[in-house]
Amino acid sequence: MKAEMLAAAGRLTKVLALENEALARLEYSRAVSLLPEKKQAALALGTALSSLANSGRVQVQGEAEKVITELAALLQQNKRLLEHAIGVQSRVVQTVARSAAQALQNGPRYDAAGNSAHQFGRAAFIALSATA
């Protein structure tokens, strides 16, 4: 049972390290692609810990203590990096929204054919596109 717990913790540690590296490089699509593997690893660790707890042999020492300490540090770093990523994305959305609002108020307006929308008395439309 202890071997299962160590293997599951090791797997989650590896996935978190990869995700943290991607987040630190602002490679959000790479970080998101690791989510299914991260969920599976966390579930496996939860299952292993439950089995260990049900066996009544819960004693953390040696290698297990080292793995848990490393995992805790990675989880703290992961939390910090995710919060940073959310902040970056929020600032990007705010910038786009402000720019769009300013363009609608101040800029010329055109229809789909490129003609001035004022010329035809039509409402102006704006389209935003982003690629992940």
Protein backbone atom coordinates (compact mmCIF):
# COMPACT_ATOMS: atom_id res chain seq x y z
CA MET A 1 0.00 0.00 0.00
CA LYS A 2 2.84 2.36 0.82
CA ALA A 3 4.36 1.60 -2.60
CA GLU A 4 1.06 2.55 -4.28
CA MET A 5 0.97 5.82 -2.37
CA LEU A 6 4.57 6.64 -3.28
CA ALA A 7 3.99 5.80 -6.94
CA ALA A 8 0.81 7.92 -7.07
CA ALA A 9 2.51 10.83 -5.29
CA GLY A 10 5.45 10.56 -7.66
CA ARG A 11 3.15 10.65 -10.67
CA LEU A 12 1.32 13.74 -9.36
CA THR A 13 4.66 15.38 -8.56
CA LYS A 14 5.84 14.89 -12.15
CA VAL A 15 2.60 16.29 -13.62
CA LEU A 16 2.66 19.31 -11.28
CA ALA A 17 6.29 20.01 -12.17
CA LEU A 18 5.39 19.98 -15.90
CA GLU A 19 2.35 22.18 -15.31
CA ASN A 20 4.32 24.64 -13.20
CA GLU A 21 7.00 24.85 -15.88
CA ALA A 22 4.34 25.58 -18.53
CA LEU A 23 2.67 28.21 -16.33
CA ALA A 24 5.98 29.89 -15.57
CA ARG A 25 6.60 30.18 -19.32
CA LEU A 26 3.04 31.50 -19.84
CA GLU A 27 2.29 28.46 -22.02
CA TYR A 28 -1.31 28.21 -20.91
CA SER A 29 -2.44 25.79 -23.61
CA ARG A 30 0.30 23.36 -22.53
CA ALA A 31 -0.73 23.73 -18.88
CA VAL A 32 -4.38 23.10 -19.75
CA SER A 33 -3.45 20.02 -21.79
CA LEU A 34 -2.03 18.47 -18.60
CA LEU A 35 -5.32 18.78 -16.72
CA PRO A 36 -6.67 15.27 -17.49
CA GLU A 37 -3.38 13.69 -16.41
CA LYS A 38 -3.31 15.88 -13.29
CA LYS A 39 -6.86 14.81 -12.36
CA GLN A 40 -6.02 11.12 -12.84
CA ALA A 41 -2.85 11.44 -10.78
CA ALA A 42 -4.68 13.26 -7.96
CA LEU A 43 -7.45 10.65 -7.97
CA ALA A 44 -4.89 7.83 -7.84
CA LEU A 45 -3.15 9.49 -4.91
CA GLY A 46 -6.46 9.99 -3.10
CA THR A 47 -7.34 6.33 -3.61
CA ALA A 48 -3.91 5.19 -2.39
CA LEU A 49 -4.10 7.43 0.68
CA SER A 50 -7.60 6.14 1.49
CA SER A 51 -6.40 2.55 1.24
CA LEU A 52 -3.43 3.34 3.45
CA ALA A 53 -5.65 5.08 6.02
CA ASN A 54 -8.11 2.17 6.04
CA SER A 55 -5.27 -0.28 6.66
CA GLY A 56 -4.49 1.51 9.93
CA ARG A 57 -0.82 1.80 9.00
CA VAL A 58 -0.51 5.53 8.54
CA GLN A 59 3.01 6.45 9.49
CA VAL A 60 4.85 9.00 7.39
CA GLN A 61 8.61 8.69 7.47
CA GLY A 62 11.65 8.31 5.27
CA GLU A 63 10.92 8.39 1.54
CA ALA A 64 7.21 9.05 2.08
CA GLU A 65 7.99 12.15 4.12
CA LYS A 66 10.34 13.43 1.40
CA VAL A 67 7.74 12.84 -1.33
CA ILE A 68 4.99 14.55 0.66
CA THR A 69 7.23 17.56 1.38
CA GLU A 70 8.14 17.88 -2.30
CA LEU A 71 4.50 17.51 -3.32
CA ALA A 72 3.41 20.19 -0.85
CA ALA A 73 6.02 22.62 -2.22
CA LEU A 74 4.90 21.94 -5.81
CA LEU A 75 1.26 22.46 -4.85
CA GLN A 76 2.08 25.83 -3.28
CA GLN A 77 4.02 26.88 -6.38
CA ASN A 78 1.18 25.62 -8.59
CA LYS A 79 -1.34 27.70 -6.65
CA ARG A 80 0.80 30.82 -6.96
CA LEU A 81 1.37 30.29 -10.70
CA LEU A 82 -2.33 29.63 -11.36
CA GLU A 83 -3.29 32.81 -9.50
CA HIS A 84 -0.75 34.73 -11.57
CA ALA A 85 -2.13 33.22 -14.81
CA ILE A 86 -5.67 34.23 -13.83
CA GLY A 87 -4.44 37.77 -13.16
CA VAL A 88 -2.70 37.95 -16.54
CA GLN A 89 -5.79 36.70 -18.35
CA SER A 90 -7.98 39.20 -16.48
CA ARG A 91 -5.71 42.07 -17.52
CA VAL A 92 -5.80 40.91 -21.14
CA VAL A 93 -9.61 40.76 -21.13
CA GLN A 94 -9.83 44.21 -19.51
CA THR A 95 -7.45 45.66 -22.10
CA VAL A 96 -9.44 44.20 -24.99
CA ALA A 97 -12.74 45.38 -23.50
CA ARG A 98 -11.42 48.93 -22.97
CA SER A 99 -9.99 49.03 -26.49
CA ALA A 100 -13.25 47.78 -27.99
CA ALA A 101 -15.30 50.32 -26.05
CA GLN A 102 -12.95 53.13 -27.06
CA ALA A 103 -13.02 52.03 -30.71
CA LEU A 104 -16.81 52.02 -30.69
CA GLN A 105 -16.95 55.52 -29.22
CA ASN A 106 -14.16 57.21 -31.12
CA GLY A 107 -13.33 55.30 -34.23
CA PRO A 108 -14.91 55.19 -37.65
CA ARG A 109 -17.52 52.50 -38.15
CA TYR A 110 -17.72 50.25 -41.17
CA ASP A 111 -20.07 47.58 -42.44
CA ALA A 112 -18.99 44.13 -43.63
CA ALA A 113 -18.18 45.48 -47.11
CA GLY A 114 -15.89 48.16 -45.70
CA ASN A 115 -18.26 51.06 -46.31
CA SER A 116 -18.79 53.68 -43.65
CA ALA A 117 -21.70 52.55 -41.48
CA HIS A 118 -22.76 56.17 -40.91
CA GLN A 119 -23.18 56.60 -44.61
CA PHE A 120 -25.98 54.03 -44.64
CA GLY A 121 -27.46 54.81 -41.23
CA ARG A 122 -26.77 51.31 -39.91
CA ALA A 123 -25.61 50.38 -36.45
CA ALA A 124 -21.91 49.67 -36.12
CA PHE A 125 -20.70 46.17 -35.37
CA ILE A 126 -17.44 45.06 -33.86
CA ALA A 127 -15.98 41.57 -33.91
CA LEU A 128 -13.20 40.32 -31.71
CA SER A 129 -11.25 37.17 -32.50
CA ALA A 130 -8.60 35.38 -30.51
CA THR A 131 -6.60 32.26 -31.09
CA ALA A 132 -5.50 30.10 -28.20
